[in-house]
Structure formats: C-alpha cells, structure tokens
Amino acid sequence: NHGGRQLDRAPIPFHLLPGVKEAFTKDNSDAAIMLDTGIMGGADIIAALALGADFTLIGRAYLYGLMAGGRAGVDRTLQILEKDMARTMALLGVSKISELTPDHVRLLTK
C-alpha cells in the first residue's frame, strides 16, 4: 500500500512484518526488510523495527517538514523522530534497538 495507491482492503504492512521476518529467517536470507508505509512518528519506526523490519522509510514525515520549512524543516523533522524514538524505547524499557522484540508491540485487529 505505497502512498495509499493500492486497495483500501489490502493487509496492513505492520501485520505482515512478523510473517515476512519468519520467512526470511527460515530461508537464511540476508536481504533487508523495509517498511515503506504507515510511518507517522518515532513510535511507528520502533514498532516496525520490533516486528522485524531492518529499516523504514519516512517519506510523508520528511515531506511535511520540507513543505513547512525547507531544509531546516527536514532537519527538525528528523530531530522530532529521533526524540520520539528515544522516548518510545525508554517507555518500553530498552536502551538499544537490538533489544526490541515483537513482544514489545501489540497489533490491533478489528
């Protein structure tokens, strides 16, 4: 669901991450797992990493910063995301990304 240009009933990427991670691990794949949708803040980045992503893209967040303040807006967006990630990790009781596990995330379903 890149940029909302797909079916609105498609699976939520956060829900797919654990299965993707399991499949990659089972196949001994060294390919990176990235999440490219649904990232609105640092807590989303932490959740994606905990669920198995190796990295995330932050297109929407940095674009908001760019539109609001040019390069300085992008820099500020990155500062906000970094601070939000640090706060989220502290609330989860971890100090390193390597300490994150899927148990740190609760996936909500209907």
PDB file of N, CA and C in Angstrom:
ATOM      1  N   ASN A   1       0.845  -1.189   0.000  1.00  0.00           N
ATOM      2  CA  ASN A   1       0.000   0.000   0.000  1.00  0.00           C
ATOM      3  C   ASN A   1       0.879   1.238   0.000  1.00  0.00           C
ATOM      4  N   HIS A   2       1.654   1.414  -1.008  1.00  0.00           N
ATOM      5  CA  HIS A   2       2.584   2.532  -1.086  1.00  0.00           C
ATOM      6  C   HIS A   2       1.836   3.832  -1.358  1.00  0.00           C
ATOM      7  N   GLY A   3       1.862   4.725  -0.403  1.00  0.00           N
ATOM      8  CA  GLY A   3       1.245   6.032  -0.582  1.00  0.00           C
ATOM      9  C   GLY A   3      -0.259   5.985  -0.751  1.00  0.00           C
ATOM     10  N   GLY A   4      -0.895   4.926  -0.293  1.00  0.00           N
ATOM     11  CA  GLY A   4      -2.342   4.827  -0.399  1.00  0.00           C
ATOM     12  C   GLY A   4      -2.841   4.585  -1.808  1.00  0.00           C
ATOM     13  N   ARG A   5      -1.958   4.152  -2.692  1.00  0.00           N
ATOM     14  CA  ARG A   5      -2.355   3.962  -4.089  1.00  0.00           C
ATOM     15  C   ARG A   5      -2.750   2.515  -4.391  1.00  0.00           C
ATOM     16  N   GLN A   6      -3.079   1.750  -3.385  1.00  0.00           N
ATOM     17  CA  GLN A   6      -3.463   0.356  -3.565  1.00  0.00           C
ATOM     18  C   GLN A   6      -4.872   0.151  -3.025  1.00  0.00           C
ATOM     19  N   LEU A   7      -5.309  -1.071  -3.005  1.00  0.00           N
ATOM     20  CA  LEU A   7      -6.639  -1.385  -2.493  1.00  0.00           C
ATOM     21  C   LEU A   7      -6.751  -1.003  -1.028  1.00  0.00           C
ATOM     22  N   ASP A   8      -7.870  -0.412  -0.667  1.00  0.00           N
ATOM     23  CA  ASP A   8      -8.031   0.019   0.719  1.00  0.00           C
ATOM     24  C   ASP A   8      -8.316  -1.138   1.666  1.00  0.00           C
ATOM     25  N   ARG A   9      -8.511  -2.327   1.162  1.00  0.00           N
ATOM     26  CA  ARG A   9      -8.735  -3.508   1.999  1.00  0.00           C
ATOM     27  C   ARG A   9      -7.518  -4.433   2.003  1.00  0.00           C
ATOM     28  N   ALA A  10      -6.408  -3.953   1.478  1.00  0.00           N
ATOM     29  CA  ALA A  10      -5.178  -4.748   1.481  1.00  0.00           C
ATOM     30  C   ALA A  10      -4.678  -4.906   2.917  1.00  0.00           C
ATOM     31  N   PRO A  11      -3.919  -5.959   3.185  1.00  0.00           N
ATOM     32  CA  PRO A  11      -3.402  -6.157   4.545  1.00  0.00           C
ATOM     33  C   PRO A  11      -2.554  -4.972   5.004  1.00  0.00           C
ATOM     34  N   ILE A  12      -2.584  -4.720   6.287  1.00  0.00           N
ATOM     35  CA  ILE A  12      -1.789  -3.649   6.881  1.00  0.00           C
ATOM     36  C   ILE A  12      -0.339  -4.119   6.967  1.00  0.00           C
ATOM     37  N   PRO A  13       0.615  -3.355   6.432  1.00  0.00           N
ATOM     38  CA  PRO A  13       2.010  -3.793   6.430  1.00  0.00           C
ATOM     39  C   PRO A  13       2.549  -4.194   7.804  1.00  0.00           C
ATOM     40  N   PHE A  14       2.171  -3.485   8.864  1.00  0.00           N
ATOM     41  CA  PHE A  14       2.634  -3.859  10.201  1.00  0.00           C
ATOM     42  C   PHE A  14       2.222  -5.298  10.531  1.00  0.00           C
ATOM     43  N   HIS A  15       1.040  -5.710  10.066  1.00  0.00           N
ATOM     44  CA  HIS A  15       0.560  -7.063  10.349  1.00  0.00           C
ATOM     45  C   HIS A  15       1.340  -8.119   9.566  1.00  0.00           C
ATOM     46  N   LEU A  16       1.916  -7.737   8.449  1.00  0.00           N
ATOM     47  CA  LEU A  16       2.656  -8.674   7.605  1.00  0.00           C
ATOM     48  C   LEU A  16       4.105  -8.860   8.038  1.00  0.00           C
ATOM     49  N   LEU A  17       4.658  -7.903   8.753  1.00  0.00           N
ATOM     50  CA  LEU A  17       6.083  -7.939   9.099  1.00  0.00           C
ATOM     51  C   LEU A  17       6.522  -9.211   9.820  1.00  0.00           C
ATOM     52  N   PRO A  18       5.815  -9.673  10.854  1.00  0.00           N
ATOM     53  CA  PRO A  18       6.290 -10.883  11.537  1.00  0.00           C
ATOM     54  C   PRO A  18       6.393 -12.092  10.598  1.00  0.00           C
ATOM     55  N   GLY A  19       5.436 -12.265   9.711  1.00  0.00           N
ATOM     56  CA  GLY A  19       5.481 -13.375   8.763  1.00  0.00           C
ATOM     57  C   GLY A  19       6.608 -13.237   7.760  1.00  0.00           C
ATOM     58  N   VAL A  20       6.844 -12.016   7.308  1.00  0.00           N
ATOM     59  CA  VAL A  20       7.947 -11.764   6.380  1.00  0.00           C
ATOM     60  C   VAL A  20       9.271 -12.069   7.069  1.00  0.00           C
ATOM     61  N   LYS A  21       9.430 -11.593   8.293  1.00  0.00           N
ATOM     62  CA  LYS A  21      10.663 -11.844   9.049  1.00  0.00           C
ATOM     63  C   LYS A  21      10.873 -13.345   9.242  1.00  0.00           C
ATOM     64  N   GLU A  22       9.805 -14.056   9.590  1.00  0.00           N
ATOM     65  CA  GLU A  22       9.900 -15.508   9.791  1.00  0.00           C
ATOM     66  C   GLU A  22      10.329 -16.208   8.501  1.00  0.00           C
ATOM     67  N   ALA A  23       9.739 -15.815   7.379  1.00  0.00           N
ATOM     68  CA  ALA A  23      10.086 -16.428   6.096  1.00  0.00           C
ATOM     69  C   ALA A  23      11.537 -16.148   5.726  1.00  0.00           C
ATOM     70  N   PHE A  24      11.995 -14.926   5.937  1.00  0.00           N
ATOM     71  CA  PHE A  24      13.380 -14.572   5.615  1.00  0.00           C
ATOM     72  C   PHE A  24      14.341 -15.344   6.506  1.00  0.00           C
ATOM     73  N   THR A  25      13.987 -15.484   7.782  1.00  0.00           N
ATOM     74  CA  THR A  25      14.840 -16.208   8.722  1.00  0.00           C
ATOM     75  C   THR A  25      14.903 -17.685   8.342  1.00  0.00           C
ATOM     76  N   LYS A  26      13.755 -18.255   8.001  1.00  0.00           N
ATOM     77  CA  LYS A  26      13.675 -19.673   7.622  1.00  0.00           C
ATOM     78  C   LYS A  26      14.523 -19.954   6.385  1.00  0.00           C
ATOM     79  N   ASP A  27      14.556 -19.011   5.452  1.00  0.00           N
ATOM     80  CA  ASP A  27      15.322 -19.181   4.216  1.00  0.00           C
ATOM     81  C   ASP A  27      16.767 -18.717   4.346  1.00  0.00           C
ATOM     82  N   ASN A  28      17.176 -18.318   5.546  1.00  0.00           N
ATOM     83  CA  ASN A  28      18.527 -17.785   5.770  1.00  0.00           C
ATOM     84  C   ASN A  28      18.843 -16.642   4.814  1.00  0.00           C
ATOM     85  N   SER A  29      17.847 -15.837   4.515  1.00  0.00           N
ATOM     86  CA  SER A  29      18.027 -14.715   3.597  1.00  0.00           C
ATOM     87  C   SER A  29      18.753 -13.575   4.296  1.00  0.00           C
ATOM     88  N   ASP A  30      19.664 -12.952   3.573  1.00  0.00           N
ATOM     89  CA  ASP A  30      20.334 -11.776   4.128  1.00  0.00           C
ATOM     90  C   ASP A  30      19.773 -10.487   3.521  1.00  0.00           C
ATOM     91  N   ALA A  31      18.654 -10.605   2.816  1.00  0.00           N
ATOM     92  CA  ALA A  31      18.005  -9.423   2.246  1.00  0.00           C
ATOM     93  C   ALA A  31      17.424  -8.564   3.367  1.00  0.00           C
ATOM     94  N   ALA A  32      17.472  -7.275   3.180  1.00  0.00           N
ATOM     95  CA  ALA A  32      16.933  -6.342   4.177  1.00  0.00           C
ATOM     96  C   ALA A  32      15.414  -6.254   4.040  1.00  0.00           C
ATOM     97  N   ILE A  33      14.757  -6.138   5.184  1.00  0.00           N
ATOM     98  CA  ILE A  33      13.310  -5.957   5.220  1.00  0.00           C
ATOM     99  C   ILE A  33      13.043  -4.495   5.538  1.00  0.00           C
ATOM    100  N   MET A  34      12.303  -3.821   4.655  1.00  0.00           N
ATOM    101  CA  MET A  34      11.989  -2.417   4.901  1.00  0.00           C
ATOM    102  C   MET A  34      10.489  -2.205   4.894  1.00  0.00           C
ATOM    103  N   LEU A  35      10.061  -1.225   5.662  1.00  0.00           N
ATOM    104  CA  LEU A  35       8.649  -0.849   5.705  1.00  0.00           C
ATOM    105  C   LEU A  35       8.527   0.548   5.122  1.00  0.00           C
ATOM    106  N   ASP A  36       7.609   0.698   4.195  1.00  0.00           N
ATOM    107  CA  ASP A  36       7.501   1.961   3.468  1.00  0.00           C
ATOM    108  C   ASP A  36       6.094   2.539   3.522  1.00  0.00           C
ATOM    109  N   THR A  37       5.375   2.293   4.566  1.00  0.00           N
ATOM    110  CA  THR A  37       4.053   2.896   4.677  1.00  0.00           C
ATOM    111  C   THR A  37       3.614   2.899   6.132  1.00  0.00           C
ATOM    112  N   GLY A  38       2.838   3.876   6.498  1.00  0.00           N
ATOM    113  CA  GLY A  38       2.292   3.923   7.852  1.00  0.00           C
ATOM    114  C   GLY A  38       3.186   4.566   8.885  1.00  0.00           C
ATOM    115  N   ILE A  39       4.309   5.115   8.483  1.00  0.00           N
ATOM    116  CA  ILE A  39       5.233   5.723   9.444  1.00  0.00           C
ATOM    117  C   ILE A  39       4.845   7.185   9.642  1.00  0.00           C
ATOM    118  N   MET A  40       4.284   7.473  10.809  1.00  0.00           N
ATOM    119  CA  MET A  40       3.878   8.842  11.120  1.00  0.00           C
ATOM    120  C   MET A  40       4.696   9.442  12.260  1.00  0.00           C
ATOM    121  N   GLY A  41       5.434   8.612  12.979  1.00  0.00           N
ATOM    122  CA  GLY A  41       6.223   9.114  14.094  1.00  0.00           C
ATOM    123  C   GLY A  41       7.247   8.085  14.528  1.00  0.00           C
ATOM    124  N   GLY A  42       8.031   8.464  15.526  1.00  0.00           N
ATOM    125  CA  GLY A  42       9.083   7.595  16.029  1.00  0.00           C
ATOM    126  C   GLY A  42       8.565   6.290  16.597  1.00  0.00           C
ATOM    127  N   ALA A  43       7.389   6.309  17.213  1.00  0.00           N
ATOM    128  CA  ALA A  43       6.816   5.076  17.763  1.00  0.00           C
ATOM    129  C   ALA A  43       6.522   4.077  16.648  1.00  0.00           C
ATOM    130  N   ASP A  44       6.116   4.559  15.476  1.00  0.00           N
ATOM    131  CA  ASP A  44       5.875   3.670  14.337  1.00  0.00           C
ATOM    132  C   ASP A  44       7.182   3.041  13.854  1.00  0.00           C
ATOM    133  N   ILE A  45       8.247   3.820  13.858  1.00  0.00           N
ATOM    134  CA  ILE A  45       9.557   3.296  13.458  1.00  0.00           C
ATOM    135  C   ILE A  45       9.986   2.200  14.426  1.00  0.00           C
ATOM    136  N   ILE A  46       9.838   2.451  15.721  1.00  0.00           N
ATOM    137  CA  ILE A  46      10.212   1.464  16.735  1.00  0.00           C
ATOM    138  C   ILE A  46       9.363   0.206  16.591  1.00  0.00           C
ATOM    139  N   ALA A  47       8.070   0.356  16.362  1.00  0.00           N
ATOM    140  CA  ALA A  47       7.197  -0.808  16.183  1.00  0.00           C
ATOM    141  C   ALA A  47       7.639  -1.631  14.977  1.00  0.00           C
ATOM    142  N   ALA A  48       7.951  -0.964  13.877  1.00  0.00           N
ATOM    143  CA  ALA A  48       8.384  -1.675  12.672  1.00  0.00           C
ATOM    144  C   ALA A  48       9.680  -2.440  12.926  1.00  0.00           C
ATOM    145  N   LEU A  49      10.620  -1.811  13.610  1.00  0.00           N
ATOM    146  CA  LEU A  49      11.882  -2.481  13.919  1.00  0.00           C
ATOM    147  C   LEU A  49      11.653  -3.670  14.848  1.00  0.00           C
ATOM    148  N   ALA A  50      10.786  -3.502  15.829  1.00  0.00           N
ATOM    149  CA  ALA A  50      10.488  -4.587  16.768  1.00  0.00           C
ATOM    150  C   ALA A  50       9.820  -5.767  16.065  1.00  0.00           C
ATOM    151  N   LEU A  51       9.033  -5.488  15.045  1.00  0.00           N
ATOM    152  CA  LEU A  51       8.315  -6.542  14.328  1.00  0.00           C
ATOM    153  C   LEU A  51       9.146  -7.207  13.235  1.00  0.00           C
ATOM    154  N   GLY A  52      10.367  -6.725  13.020  1.00  0.00           N
ATOM    155  CA  GLY A  52      11.244  -7.404  12.079  1.00  0.00           C
ATOM    156  C   GLY A  52      11.801  -6.592  10.938  1.00  0.00           C
ATOM    157  N   ALA A  53      11.376  -5.343  10.785  1.00  0.00           N
ATOM    158  CA  ALA A  53      11.944  -4.517   9.716  1.00  0.00           C
ATOM    159  C   ALA A  53      13.391  -4.174  10.052  1.00  0.00           C
ATOM    160  N   ASP A  54      14.221  -4.108   9.030  1.00  0.00           N
ATOM    161  CA  ASP A  54      15.601  -3.671   9.222  1.00  0.00           C
ATOM    162  C   ASP A  54      15.695  -2.153   9.172  1.00  0.00           C
ATOM    163  N   PHE A  55      14.772  -1.539   8.444  1.00  0.00           N
ATOM    164  CA  PHE A  55      14.700  -0.084   8.394  1.00  0.00           C
ATOM    165  C   PHE A  55      13.337   0.325   7.855  1.00  0.00           C
ATOM    166  N   THR A  56      13.027   1.605   8.000  1.00  0.00           N
ATOM    167  CA  THR A  56      11.784   2.149   7.464  1.00  0.00           C
ATOM    168  C   THR A  56      12.112   3.369   6.613  1.00  0.00           C
ATOM    169  N   LEU A  57      11.192   3.711   5.763  1.00  0.00           N
ATOM    170  CA  LEU A  57      11.279   4.965   5.022  1.00  0.00           C
ATOM    171  C   LEU A  57      10.319   5.944   5.683  1.00  0.00           C
ATOM    172  N   ILE A  58      10.605   7.219   5.568  1.00  0.00           N
ATOM    173  CA  ILE A  58       9.800   8.227   6.278  1.00  0.00           C
ATOM    174  C   ILE A  58       9.316   9.312   5.327  1.00  0.00           C
ATOM    175  N   GLY A  59       8.940   8.930   4.121  1.00  0.00           N
ATOM    176  CA  GLY A  59       8.566   9.892   3.087  1.00  0.00           C
ATOM    177  C   GLY A  59       7.612  10.974   3.521  1.00  0.00           C
ATOM    178  N   ARG A  60       6.494  10.588   4.096  1.00  0.00           N
ATOM    179  CA  ARG A  60       5.483  11.576   4.457  1.00  0.00           C
ATOM    180  C   ARG A  60       6.012  12.545   5.522  1.00  0.00           C
ATOM    181  N   ALA A  61       6.663  12.019   6.534  1.00  0.00           N
ATOM    182  CA  ALA A  61       7.138  12.871   7.631  1.00  0.00           C
ATOM    183  C   ALA A  61       8.136  13.921   7.136  1.00  0.00           C
ATOM    184  N   TYR A  62       9.122  13.486   6.361  1.00  0.00           N
ATOM    185  CA  TYR A  62      10.109  14.472   5.923  1.00  0.00           C
ATOM    186  C   TYR A  62       9.513  15.437   4.906  1.00  0.00           C
ATOM    187  N   LEU A  63       8.534  14.984   4.120  1.00  0.00           N
ATOM    188  CA  LEU A  63       7.893  15.900   3.175  1.00  0.00           C
ATOM    189  C   LEU A  63       7.122  17.000   3.893  1.00  0.00           C
ATOM    190  N   TYR A  64       6.470  16.655   5.014  1.00  0.00           N
ATOM    191  CA  TYR A  64       5.797  17.690   5.805  1.00  0.00           C
ATOM    192  C   TYR A  64       6.809  18.726   6.273  1.00  0.00           C
ATOM    193  N   GLY A  65       7.951  18.262   6.771  1.00  0.00           N
ATOM    194  CA  GLY A  65       8.998  19.181   7.213  1.00  0.00           C
ATOM    195  C   GLY A  65       9.522  20.036   6.077  1.00  0.00           C
ATOM    196  N   LEU A  66       9.722  19.423   4.920  1.00  0.00           N
ATOM    197  CA  LEU A  66      10.218  20.147   3.752  1.00  0.00           C
ATOM    198  C   LEU A  66       9.245  21.233   3.328  1.00  0.00           C
ATOM    199  N   MET A  67       7.958  20.889   3.290  1.00  0.00           N
ATOM    200  CA  MET A  67       6.953  21.878   2.888  1.00  0.00           C
ATOM    201  C   MET A  67       6.845  23.014   3.903  1.00  0.00           C
ATOM    202  N   ALA A  68       7.025  22.693   5.168  1.00  0.00           N
ATOM    203  CA  ALA A  68       6.861  23.702   6.215  1.00  0.00           C
ATOM    204  C   ALA A  68       8.073  24.601   6.377  1.00  0.00           C
ATOM    205  N   GLY A  69       9.277  24.066   6.119  1.00  0.00           N
ATOM    206  CA  GLY A  69      10.441  24.887   6.415  1.00  0.00           C
ATOM    207  C   GLY A  69      11.678  24.601   5.611  1.00  0.00           C
ATOM    208  N   GLY A  70      11.527  23.983   4.446  1.00  0.00           N
ATOM    209  CA  GLY A  70      12.701  23.697   3.629  1.00  0.00           C
ATOM    210  C   GLY A  70      13.658  22.766   4.356  1.00  0.00           C
ATOM    211  N   ARG A  71      14.945  22.960   4.126  1.00  0.00           N
ATOM    212  CA  ARG A  71      15.973  22.107   4.737  1.00  0.00           C
ATOM    213  C   ARG A  71      15.883  22.138   6.256  1.00  0.00           C
ATOM    214  N   ALA A  72      15.661  23.307   6.827  1.00  0.00           N
ATOM    215  CA  ALA A  72      15.541  23.407   8.287  1.00  0.00           C
ATOM    216  C   ALA A  72      14.342  22.601   8.785  1.00  0.00           C
ATOM    217  N   GLY A  73      13.276  22.559   8.002  1.00  0.00           N
ATOM    218  CA  GLY A  73      12.100  21.775   8.370  1.00  0.00           C
ATOM    219  C   GLY A  73      12.384  20.286   8.355  1.00  0.00           C
ATOM    220  N   VAL A  74      13.164  19.840   7.375  1.00  0.00           N
ATOM    221  CA  VAL A  74      13.556  18.428   7.314  1.00  0.00           C
ATOM    222  C   VAL A  74      14.429  18.083   8.515  1.00  0.00           C
ATOM    223  N   ASP A  75      15.398  18.950   8.813  1.00  0.00           N
ATOM    224  CA  ASP A  75      16.265  18.722   9.974  1.00  0.00           C
ATOM    225  C   ASP A  75      15.443  18.630  11.254  1.00  0.00           C
ATOM    226  N   ARG A  76      14.465  19.503  11.390  1.00  0.00           N
ATOM    227  CA  ARG A  76      13.611  19.494  12.586  1.00  0.00           C
ATOM    228  C   ARG A  76      12.770  18.220  12.639  1.00  0.00           C
ATOM    229  N   THR A  77      12.268  17.781  11.504  1.00  0.00           N
ATOM    230  CA  THR A  77      11.507  16.532  11.450  1.00  0.00           C
ATOM    231  C   THR A  77      12.354  15.371  11.946  1.00  0.00           C
ATOM    232  N   LEU A  78      13.597  15.295  11.488  1.00  0.00           N
ATOM    233  CA  LEU A  78      14.489  14.216  11.922  1.00  0.00           C
ATOM    234  C   LEU A  78      14.756  14.287  13.423  1.00  0.00           C
ATOM    235  N   GLN A  79      14.913  15.499  13.960  1.00  0.00           N
ATOM    236  CA  GLN A  79      15.095  15.657  15.409  1.00  0.00           C
ATOM    237  C   GLN A  79      13.873  15.155  16.170  1.00  0.00           C
ATOM    238  N   ILE A  80      12.696  15.499  15.684  1.00  0.00           N
ATOM    239  CA  ILE A  80      11.453  15.070  16.340  1.00  0.00           C
ATOM    240  C   ILE A  80      11.338  13.545  16.312  1.00  0.00           C
ATOM    241  N   LEU A  81      11.610  12.939  15.163  1.00  0.00           N
ATOM    242  CA  LEU A  81      11.536  11.483  15.050  1.00  0.00           C
ATOM    243  C   LEU A  81      12.538  10.804  15.981  1.00  0.00           C
ATOM    244  N   GLU A  82      13.756  11.335  16.025  1.00  0.00           N
ATOM    245  CA  GLU A  82      14.786  10.759  16.896  1.00  0.00           C
ATOM    246  C   GLU A  82      14.369  10.840  18.365  1.00  0.00           C
ATOM    247  N   LYS A  83      13.841  11.980  18.771  1.00  0.00           N
ATOM    248  CA  LYS A  83      13.397  12.154  20.156  1.00  0.00           C
ATOM    249  C   LYS A  83      12.222  11.227  20.472  1.00  0.00           C
ATOM    250  N   ASP A  84      11.294  11.101  19.531  1.00  0.00           N
ATOM    251  CA  ASP A  84      10.140  10.223  19.714  1.00  0.00           C
ATOM    252  C   ASP A  84      10.579   8.763  19.812  1.00  0.00           C
ATOM    253  N   MET A  85      11.561   8.374  19.005  1.00  0.00           N
ATOM    254  CA  MET A  85      12.089   7.011  19.082  1.00  0.00           C
ATOM    255  C   MET A  85      12.734   6.754  20.442  1.00  0.00           C
ATOM    256  N   ALA A  86      13.535   7.704  20.907  1.00  0.00           N
ATOM    257  CA  ALA A  86      14.203   7.547  22.204  1.00  0.00           C
ATOM    258  C   ALA A  86      13.185   7.451  23.337  1.00  0.00           C
ATOM    259  N   ARG A  87      12.156   8.283  23.294  1.00  0.00           N
ATOM    260  CA  ARG A  87      11.113   8.253  24.329  1.00  0.00           C
ATOM    261  C   ARG A  87      10.369   6.917  24.302  1.00  0.00           C
ATOM    262  N   THR A  88      10.033   6.459  23.114  1.00  0.00           N
ATOM    263  CA  THR A  88       9.322   5.184  22.982  1.00  0.00           C
ATOM    264  C   THR A  88      10.166   4.038  23.525  1.00  0.00           C
ATOM    265  N   MET A  89      11.447   4.022  23.194  1.00  0.00           N
ATOM    266  CA  MET A  89      12.327   2.968  23.694  1.00  0.00           C
ATOM    267  C   MET A  89      12.433   3.018  25.211  1.00  0.00           C
ATOM    268  N   ALA A  90      12.529   4.214  25.767  1.00  0.00           N
ATOM    269  CA  ALA A  90      12.600   4.348  27.226  1.00  0.00           C
ATOM    270  C   ALA A  90      11.326   3.815  27.876  1.00  0.00           C
ATOM    271  N   LEU A  91      10.180   4.128  27.301  1.00  0.00           N
ATOM    272  CA  LEU A  91       8.913   3.641  27.845  1.00  0.00           C
ATOM    273  C   LEU A  91       8.795   2.119  27.738  1.00  0.00           C
ATOM    274  N   LEU A  92       9.442   1.538  26.737  1.00  0.00           N
ATOM    275  CA  LEU A  92       9.441   0.083  26.575  1.00  0.00           C
ATOM    276  C   LEU A  92      10.493  -0.591  27.448  1.00  0.00           C
ATOM    277  N   GLY A  93      11.376   0.209  28.040  1.00  0.00           N
ATOM    278  CA  GLY A  93      12.411  -0.339  28.911  1.00  0.00           C
ATOM    279  C   GLY A  93      13.608  -0.907  28.174  1.00  0.00           C
ATOM    280  N   VAL A  94      13.863  -0.410  26.964  1.00  0.00           N
ATOM    281  CA  VAL A  94      15.034  -0.856  26.211  1.00  0.00           C
ATOM    282  C   VAL A  94      15.930   0.341  25.919  1.00  0.00           C
ATOM    283  N   SER A  95      17.221   0.066  25.809  1.00  0.00           N
ATOM    284  CA  SER A  95      18.154   1.155  25.515  1.00  0.00           C
ATOM    285  C   SER A  95      18.825   0.994  24.156  1.00  0.00           C
ATOM    286  N   LYS A  96      18.648  -0.171  23.531  1.00  0.00           N
ATOM    287  CA  LYS A  96      19.235  -0.427  22.216  1.00  0.00           C
ATOM    288  C   LYS A  96      18.181  -1.042  21.300  1.00  0.00           C
ATOM    289  N   ILE A  97      18.249  -0.704  20.038  1.00  0.00           N
ATOM    290  CA  ILE A  97      17.309  -1.255  19.065  1.00  0.00           C
ATOM    291  C   ILE A  97      17.395  -2.775  19.043  1.00  0.00           C
ATOM    292  N   SER A  98      18.586  -3.319  19.252  1.00  0.00           N
ATOM    293  CA  SER A  98      18.758  -4.777  19.235  1.00  0.00           C
ATOM    294  C   SER A  98      17.981  -5.475  20.350  1.00  0.00           C
ATOM    295  N   GLU A  99      17.533  -4.732  21.351  1.00  0.00           N
ATOM    296  CA  GLU A  99      16.753  -5.308  22.453  1.00  0.00           C
ATOM    297  C   GLU A  99      15.262  -5.406  22.123  1.00  0.00           C
ATOM    298  N   LEU A 100      14.837  -4.791  21.039  1.00  0.00           N
ATOM    299  CA  LEU A 100      13.420  -4.819  20.663  1.00  0.00           C
ATOM    300  C   LEU A 100      13.017  -6.202  20.165  1.00  0.00           C
ATOM    301  N   THR A 101      11.815  -6.622  20.520  1.00  0.00           N
ATOM    302  CA  THR A 101      11.255  -7.887  20.044  1.00  0.00           C
ATOM    303  C   THR A 101       9.794  -7.655  19.660  1.00  0.00           C
ATOM    304  N   PRO A 102       9.196  -8.589  18.939  1.00  0.00           N
ATOM    305  CA  PRO A 102       7.770  -8.452  18.626  1.00  0.00           C
ATOM    306  C   PRO A 102       6.891  -8.351  19.871  1.00  0.00           C
ATOM    307  N   ASP A 103       7.367  -8.863  20.999  1.00  0.00           N
ATOM    308  CA  ASP A 103       6.591  -8.775  22.241  1.00  0.00           C
ATOM    309  C   ASP A 103       6.397  -7.333  22.712  1.00  0.00           C
ATOM    310  N   HIS A 104       7.186  -6.413  22.192  1.00  0.00           N
ATOM    311  CA  HIS A 104       7.051  -5.002  22.551  1.00  0.00           C
ATOM    312  C   HIS A 104       5.899  -4.316  21.817  1.00  0.00           C
ATOM    313  N   VAL A 105       5.271  -5.025  20.876  1.00  0.00           N
ATOM    314  CA  VAL A 105       4.237  -4.416  20.034  1.00  0.00           C
ATOM    315  C   VAL A 105       2.944  -5.218  20.142  1.00  0.00           C
ATOM    316  N   ARG A 106       1.856  -4.519  20.284  1.00  0.00           N
ATOM    317  CA  ARG A 106       0.538  -5.155  20.235  1.00  0.00           C
ATOM    318  C   ARG A 106      -0.138  -4.703  18.946  1.00  0.00           C
ATOM    319  N   LEU A 107      -0.446  -5.663  18.088  1.00  0.00           N
ATOM    320  CA  LEU A 107      -1.132  -5.353  16.837  1.00  0.00           C
ATOM    321  C   LEU A 107      -2.626  -5.395  17.079  1.00  0.00           C
ATOM    322  N   LEU A 108      -3.288  -4.312  16.785  1.00  0.00           N
ATOM    323  CA  LEU A 108      -4.731  -4.236  16.980  1.00  0.00           C
ATOM    324  C   LEU A 108      -5.447  -4.764  15.752  1.00  0.00           C
ATOM    325  N   THR A 109      -6.478  -5.537  15.977  1.00  0.00           N
ATOM    326  CA  THR A 109      -7.286  -6.054  14.878  1.00  0.00           C
ATOM    327  C   THR A 109      -8.740  -5.725  15.153  1.00  0.00           C
ATOM    328  N   LYS A 110      -9.542  -5.772  14.113  1.00  0.00           N
ATOM    329  CA  LYS A 110     -10.975  -5.499  14.273  1.00  0.00           C
ATOM    330  C   LYS A 110     -11.673  -6.735  14.780  1.00  0.00           C
TER     331      LYS A 110
END
